[in-house]
Amino acid sequence: MRSIRISESPDLLGESPVWDAEYQRLFWVDGVRALLHCYTPETGEIRDFEMPSQIGSVGLAEGNRVIVGLMDGVYLVEIETGSVEPIFRLDPPNPNVRFNDGRVDRQGRFVTGTMARFEDEPLGELYRITGRNGQAELLANGIRITNTLCFGADGDEMYFADTLDRMVRKYHYGAEVSDLGSPLRCIDTTPYDSTPDGAAIDIQGNLWVALVQRGAIARFRPDGALDALIETPTDMPSSLGFGGKDMTTLFVTSIRSTGSGRAISRHPDAGHLFAIEDLGFQGIPEPRFRL
């Protein structure tokens, strides 16, 4: 295993690494600076797109586009021009919350949730957004910090966590599921001295979770048992995603400062994006949001 630092300058709140297999590039965000990054390994180029407000997550969309969760809603970004188009906004607007983690499911819908901006109050809600007209379904509420969203290879399973509960929950999920119901399984991250942050699934069904307070990544087997703890190059890994030509590179974002005082790192490499290679596991290509 080896780690490579990719980013030239650190983010404050690095999050949501998503590999675009079609264009062979990686997207991730700096939530506090409201920046969308695009990295092309073949050329080494990193492009930055300024967003209208704080950004929580990014997913792929049909065409040369991505879908993002901003402060007040969900937007499409055209990569060629940088134009930003709203498709769903909170109604009524709520200045006390912002969108955080988000992921495109295997059916081509964007699942994303909100969190309280200033206090750890259960103001967050989990939405599923369908199509360019932004049809929204409410999947859950009473959430403090939406996190750890990812989906099984066949789309029949969803992982999700309210970070402060320290529980990663696995739900039955699919094209017709509109009520999450009770979780099928829970993974308690308390024994690993951390809350769970971002997550990813590999082709074998293992769940990889960023342990932001431990400076490590946990790999859980499909039955929920811990398989490995992997130390990260910096002390606050925030999210992760598989990518690269053969989907065997694990890209990891990290935190320098969340801007809210929740987390501040003094590590010299805090806030940088890393690529971890030679792990011996392969990821699953991310789907695109269907317009």
Protein backbone atom coordinates (compact mmCIF):
# COMPACT_ATOMS: atom_id res chain seq x y z
CA MET A 1 0.00 0.00 0.00
CA ARG A 2 1.24 3.49 -0.80
CA SER A 3 -0.27 6.97 -0.46
CA ILE A 4 0.19 9.86 -2.90
CA ARG A 5 -0.82 13.45 -2.21
CA ILE A 6 -2.76 14.72 -5.23
CA SER A 7 -3.89 18.26 -4.43
CA GLU A 8 -1.54 21.21 -4.76
CA SER A 9 -3.17 23.32 -2.04
CA PRO A 10 -5.27 22.10 0.90
CA ASP A 11 -9.02 22.39 1.21
CA LEU A 12 -10.67 23.55 4.39
CA LEU A 13 -13.42 20.93 4.21
CA GLY A 14 -12.55 18.34 1.57
CA GLU A 15 -15.44 15.97 0.83
CA SER A 16 -17.22 13.71 -1.68
CA PRO A 17 -14.58 12.20 -4.04
CA VAL A 18 -16.39 10.74 -7.07
CA TRP A 19 -14.62 9.06 -10.00
CA ASP A 20 -16.04 9.62 -13.48
CA ALA A 21 -15.14 6.42 -15.37
CA GLU A 22 -16.43 7.75 -18.71
CA TYR A 23 -14.19 10.83 -18.72
CA GLN A 24 -11.41 9.37 -16.52
CA ARG A 25 -11.46 12.19 -13.98
CA LEU A 26 -12.19 12.78 -10.30
CA PHE A 27 -14.51 15.31 -8.72
CA TRP A 28 -14.45 16.42 -5.10
CA VAL A 29 -15.43 19.53 -3.15
CA ASP A 30 -14.22 22.07 -0.61
CA GLY A 31 -17.41 22.68 1.32
CA VAL A 32 -16.30 25.79 3.20
CA ARG A 33 -14.74 27.56 0.21
CA ALA A 34 -17.68 26.57 -2.02
CA LEU A 35 -15.38 24.99 -4.62
CA LEU A 36 -15.97 22.07 -6.95
CA HIS A 37 -12.68 20.45 -8.04
CA CYS A 38 -12.04 18.33 -11.14
CA TYR A 39 -8.79 16.34 -11.42
CA THR A 40 -7.67 14.58 -14.62
CA PRO A 41 -4.82 12.15 -13.81
CA GLU A 42 -3.69 11.78 -17.45
CA THR A 43 -2.73 15.46 -17.64
CA GLY A 44 -2.41 16.31 -13.95
CA GLU A 45 -4.79 19.25 -14.46
CA ILE A 46 -7.02 20.38 -11.59
CA ARG A 47 -9.90 22.71 -12.48
CA ASP A 48 -11.84 24.68 -9.88
CA PHE A 49 -15.45 25.80 -10.20
CA GLU A 50 -16.81 28.43 -7.82
CA MET A 51 -20.28 27.55 -6.53
CA PRO A 52 -22.92 30.11 -5.47
CA SER A 53 -22.94 28.80 -1.87
CA GLN A 54 -21.38 26.22 0.41
CA ILE A 55 -21.26 22.78 -1.25
CA GLY A 56 -21.82 19.47 0.53
CA SER A 57 -21.46 16.79 -2.14
CA VAL A 58 -21.14 16.01 -5.83
CA GLY A 59 -22.42 13.18 -8.04
CA LEU A 60 -22.17 12.41 -11.74
CA ALA A 61 -24.99 13.39 -14.14
CA GLU A 62 -25.83 12.54 -17.74
CA GLY A 63 -23.81 14.38 -20.33
CA ASN A 64 -20.81 16.45 -19.32
CA ARG A 65 -22.48 17.44 -16.05
CA VAL A 66 -22.45 16.81 -12.32
CA ILE A 67 -25.13 17.22 -9.66
CA VAL A 68 -24.31 19.03 -6.42
CA GLY A 69 -25.91 19.74 -3.08
CA LEU A 70 -25.47 23.43 -2.20
CA MET A 71 -26.67 25.44 0.78
CA ASP A 72 -30.33 25.65 -0.19
CA GLY A 73 -30.88 22.88 -2.70
CA VAL A 74 -29.70 20.61 -5.50
CA TYR A 75 -28.16 21.93 -8.73
CA LEU A 76 -26.74 20.73 -12.04
CA VAL A 77 -23.31 22.00 -13.11
CA GLU A 78 -22.29 22.01 -16.79
CA ILE A 79 -18.57 21.21 -16.81
CA GLU A 80 -17.84 22.76 -20.23
CA THR A 81 -19.21 26.19 -19.27
CA GLY A 82 -19.39 26.10 -15.47
CA SER A 83 -23.06 27.12 -15.55
CA VAL A 84 -25.17 26.20 -12.51
CA GLU A 85 -28.86 25.27 -12.83
CA PRO A 86 -31.19 24.70 -9.84
CA ILE A 87 -33.43 21.63 -9.97
CA PHE A 88 -34.64 21.42 -6.35
CA ARG A 89 -34.74 24.01 -3.57
CA LEU A 90 -35.97 23.78 -0.02
CA ASP A 91 -39.43 25.27 0.26
CA PRO A 92 -39.70 27.22 2.44
CA PRO A 93 -35.98 28.15 2.60
CA ASN A 94 -34.30 27.32 5.91
CA PRO A 95 -31.14 29.34 6.69
CA ASN A 96 -30.43 27.08 9.67
CA VAL A 97 -29.63 24.02 7.55
CA ARG A 98 -27.40 23.11 4.61
CA PHE A 99 -27.02 20.09 2.35
CA ASN A 100 -24.26 17.68 3.31
CA ASP A 101 -23.56 14.15 2.02
CA GLY A 102 -25.12 12.93 -1.24
CA ARG A 103 -24.85 10.06 -3.71
CA VAL A 104 -26.45 8.97 -6.97
CA ASP A 105 -28.20 5.63 -6.48
CA ARG A 106 -28.03 2.72 -8.95
CA GLN A 107 -31.39 3.80 -10.43
CA GLY A 108 -30.00 7.24 -11.36
CA ARG A 109 -31.55 9.34 -8.58
CA PHE A 110 -29.68 11.69 -6.26
CA VAL A 111 -30.03 10.92 -2.55
CA THR A 112 -28.85 13.75 -0.31
CA GLY A 113 -29.53 15.13 3.12
CA THR A 114 -29.37 18.28 5.17
CA MET A 115 -27.85 19.09 8.54
CA ALA A 116 -28.03 21.92 11.06
CA ARG A 117 -25.47 24.63 10.25
CA PHE A 118 -24.65 25.85 13.74
CA GLU A 119 -25.81 23.46 16.47
CA ASP A 120 -26.17 19.70 16.69
CA GLU A 121 -29.94 19.82 16.38
CA PRO A 122 -32.01 17.15 14.58
CA LEU A 123 -33.06 19.49 11.76
CA GLY A 124 -31.75 17.35 8.91
CA GLU A 125 -33.83 15.56 6.29
CA LEU A 126 -32.93 12.94 3.69
CA TYR A 127 -34.28 13.48 0.16
CA ARG A 128 -34.31 11.50 -3.07
CA ILE A 129 -34.32 13.70 -6.18
CA THR A 130 -35.55 12.35 -9.53
CA GLY A 131 -35.13 13.94 -12.97
CA ARG A 132 -34.44 17.43 -14.17
CA ASN A 133 -37.75 18.70 -12.79
CA GLY A 134 -36.45 17.90 -9.31
CA GLN A 135 -39.22 15.68 -8.03
CA ALA A 136 -38.33 15.05 -4.37
CA GLU A 137 -39.24 12.30 -1.93
CA LEU A 138 -38.59 12.64 1.81
CA LEU A 139 -36.96 9.42 3.04
CA ALA A 140 -36.10 10.38 6.64
CA ASN A 141 -36.01 13.33 9.05
CA GLY A 142 -34.85 14.17 12.57
CA ILE A 143 -31.21 13.89 11.42
CA ARG A 144 -28.33 15.82 12.96
CA ILE A 145 -25.60 15.21 10.35
CA THR A 146 -26.37 13.27 7.14
CA ASN A 147 -23.41 11.06 6.23
CA THR A 148 -22.02 7.70 5.05
CA LEU A 149 -24.36 7.43 2.04
CA CYS A 150 -23.56 4.66 -0.43
CA PHE A 151 -25.31 1.84 -2.28
CA GLY A 152 -24.71 -1.84 -2.91
CA ALA A 153 -23.64 -3.03 -6.34
CA ASP A 154 -27.15 -4.10 -7.36
CA GLY A 155 -28.86 -1.06 -5.81
CA ASP A 156 -30.89 -3.13 -3.34
CA GLU A 157 -29.02 -1.91 -0.27
CA MET A 158 -28.37 1.58 1.10
CA TYR A 159 -25.94 2.58 3.85
CA PHE A 160 -26.59 5.75 5.82
CA ALA A 161 -25.58 7.33 9.14
CA ASP A 162 -26.53 10.21 11.35
CA THR A 163 -22.89 10.87 12.22
CA LEU A 164 -23.40 11.79 15.87
CA ASP A 165 -25.17 8.47 16.58
CA ARG A 166 -21.98 6.59 15.61
CA MET A 167 -24.14 4.01 13.86
CA VAL A 168 -23.87 3.04 10.18
CA ARG A 169 -27.22 1.59 9.15
CA LYS A 170 -27.92 -0.76 6.25
CA TYR A 171 -31.40 -0.58 4.69
CA HIS A 172 -33.34 -2.51 2.09
CA TYR A 173 -33.50 -0.22 -0.93
CA GLY A 174 -34.53 -0.28 -4.56
CA ALA A 175 -36.54 1.26 -7.34
CA GLU A 176 -39.87 1.02 -5.52
CA VAL A 177 -38.76 1.64 -1.93
CA SER A 178 -40.10 4.95 -0.57
CA ASP A 179 -40.05 4.07 3.15
CA LEU A 180 -36.70 2.96 4.53
CA GLY A 181 -38.31 1.12 7.45
CA SER A 182 -36.07 -0.50 10.05
CA PRO A 183 -32.38 -1.05 9.27
CA LEU A 184 -31.27 -4.55 8.33
CA ARG A 185 -28.02 -4.15 10.22
CA CYS A 186 -26.17 -1.53 12.28
CA ILE A 187 -22.42 -1.05 12.64
CA ASP A 188 -21.37 0.78 15.80
CA THR A 189 -18.17 2.79 15.27
CA THR A 190 -17.77 3.65 18.97
CA PRO A 191 -15.24 0.81 19.55
CA TYR A 192 -13.04 2.47 16.92
CA ASP A 193 -13.02 5.83 18.74
CA SER A 194 -14.72 7.78 15.96
CA THR A 195 -17.90 8.88 14.35
CA PRO A 196 -18.41 7.66 10.76
CA ASP A 197 -17.98 10.09 7.87
CA GLY A 198 -17.95 9.30 4.13
CA ALA A 199 -18.14 5.74 2.81
CA ALA A 200 -17.78 3.57 -0.29
CA ILE A 201 -18.55 0.00 -1.40
CA ASP A 202 -16.16 -2.30 -3.24
CA ILE A 203 -17.05 -4.96 -5.79
CA GLN A 204 -17.01 -7.69 -3.12
CA GLY A 205 -19.59 -5.84 -1.02
CA ASN A 206 -17.18 -4.60 1.65
CA LEU A 207 -18.04 -1.24 3.23
CA TRP A 208 -15.21 1.29 3.60
CA VAL A 209 -15.83 4.07 6.16
CA ALA A 210 -13.76 7.16 6.97
CA LEU A 211 -13.16 7.29 10.73
CA VAL A 212 -12.65 11.04 10.91
CA GLN A 213 -11.65 11.22 14.58
CA ARG A 214 -9.23 8.30 14.45
CA GLY A 215 -7.27 9.10 11.29
CA ALA A 216 -8.17 5.77 9.76
CA ILE A 217 -10.41 3.92 7.31
CA ALA A 218 -12.41 0.93 8.50
CA ARG A 219 -13.22 -1.90 6.10
CA PHE A 220 -16.27 -3.93 7.11
CA ARG A 221 -17.22 -7.26 5.53
CA PRO A 222 -20.74 -7.68 4.12
CA ASP A 223 -21.80 -9.31 7.41
CA GLY A 224 -20.78 -6.13 9.28
CA ALA A 225 -17.64 -7.54 10.90
CA LEU A 226 -14.51 -5.39 10.91
CA ASP A 227 -12.00 -6.66 8.34
CA ALA A 228 -9.23 -4.04 8.61
CA LEU A 229 -8.25 -0.63 9.98
CA ILE A 230 -6.07 1.38 7.59
CA GLU A 231 -4.19 4.42 8.82
CA THR A 232 -4.54 7.51 6.59
CA PRO A 233 -1.87 10.06 5.60
CA THR A 234 -3.54 12.77 7.70
CA ASP A 235 -5.50 12.83 10.93
CA MET A 236 -9.03 13.72 9.74
CA PRO A 237 -10.08 11.69 6.67
CA SER A 238 -13.54 12.86 5.67
CA SER A 239 -14.69 10.81 2.68
CA LEU A 240 -13.49 8.29 0.12
CA GLY A 241 -14.24 6.77 -3.25
CA PHE A 242 -12.69 4.20 -5.58
CA GLY A 243 -11.41 5.24 -8.99
CA GLY A 244 -8.58 5.12 -11.48
CA LYS A 245 -8.45 3.19 -14.76
CA ASP A 246 -9.05 -0.17 -13.08
CA MET A 247 -11.06 1.20 -10.10
CA THR A 248 -8.42 0.04 -7.59
CA THR A 249 -7.26 3.46 -6.32
CA LEU A 250 -8.95 4.76 -3.18
CA PHE A 251 -9.22 8.56 -3.21
CA VAL A 252 -9.47 10.12 0.25
CA THR A 253 -10.40 13.70 1.17
CA SER A 254 -9.59 15.33 4.49
CA ILE A 255 -10.40 18.23 6.81
CA ARG A 256 -8.38 21.25 7.82
CA SER A 257 -11.28 23.22 9.31
CA THR A 258 -15.03 22.70 9.01
CA GLY A 259 -15.59 26.44 9.49
CA SER A 260 -18.05 25.76 12.31
CA GLY A 261 -15.54 24.79 14.98
CA ARG A 262 -16.68 21.14 14.89
CA ALA A 263 -13.29 19.94 13.64
CA ILE A 264 -9.90 21.64 13.21
CA SER A 265 -6.68 19.85 12.26
CA ARG A 266 -3.08 20.96 12.84
CA HIS A 267 -1.61 18.17 10.71
CA PRO A 268 0.73 19.50 7.96
CA ASP A 269 -1.17 17.57 5.28
CA ALA A 270 -4.65 18.36 6.58
CA GLY A 271 -7.17 19.25 3.90
CA HIS A 272 -5.35 17.51 1.05
CA LEU A 273 -6.67 14.89 -1.37
CA PHE A 274 -4.80 11.57 -1.36
CA ALA A 275 -4.71 8.49 -3.57
CA ILE A 276 -4.09 5.18 -1.79
CA GLU A 277 -2.89 2.42 -4.10
CA ASP A 278 -2.10 -1.31 -3.88
CA LEU A 279 -4.93 -2.12 -1.48
CA GLY A 280 -5.93 -5.23 -3.40
CA PHE A 281 -9.60 -4.23 -3.78
CA GLN A 282 -11.66 -2.88 -6.67
CA GLY A 283 -14.48 -0.36 -6.55
CA ILE A 284 -17.72 -0.08 -8.50
CA PRO A 285 -18.17 2.67 -11.15
CA GLU A 286 -20.54 5.42 -10.00
CA PRO A 287 -23.87 5.79 -11.85
CA ARG A 288 -25.02 9.03 -13.44
CA PHE A 289 -28.03 11.09 -12.41
CA ARG A 290 -30.74 10.62 -15.05
CA LEU A 291 -32.18 13.80 -16.49
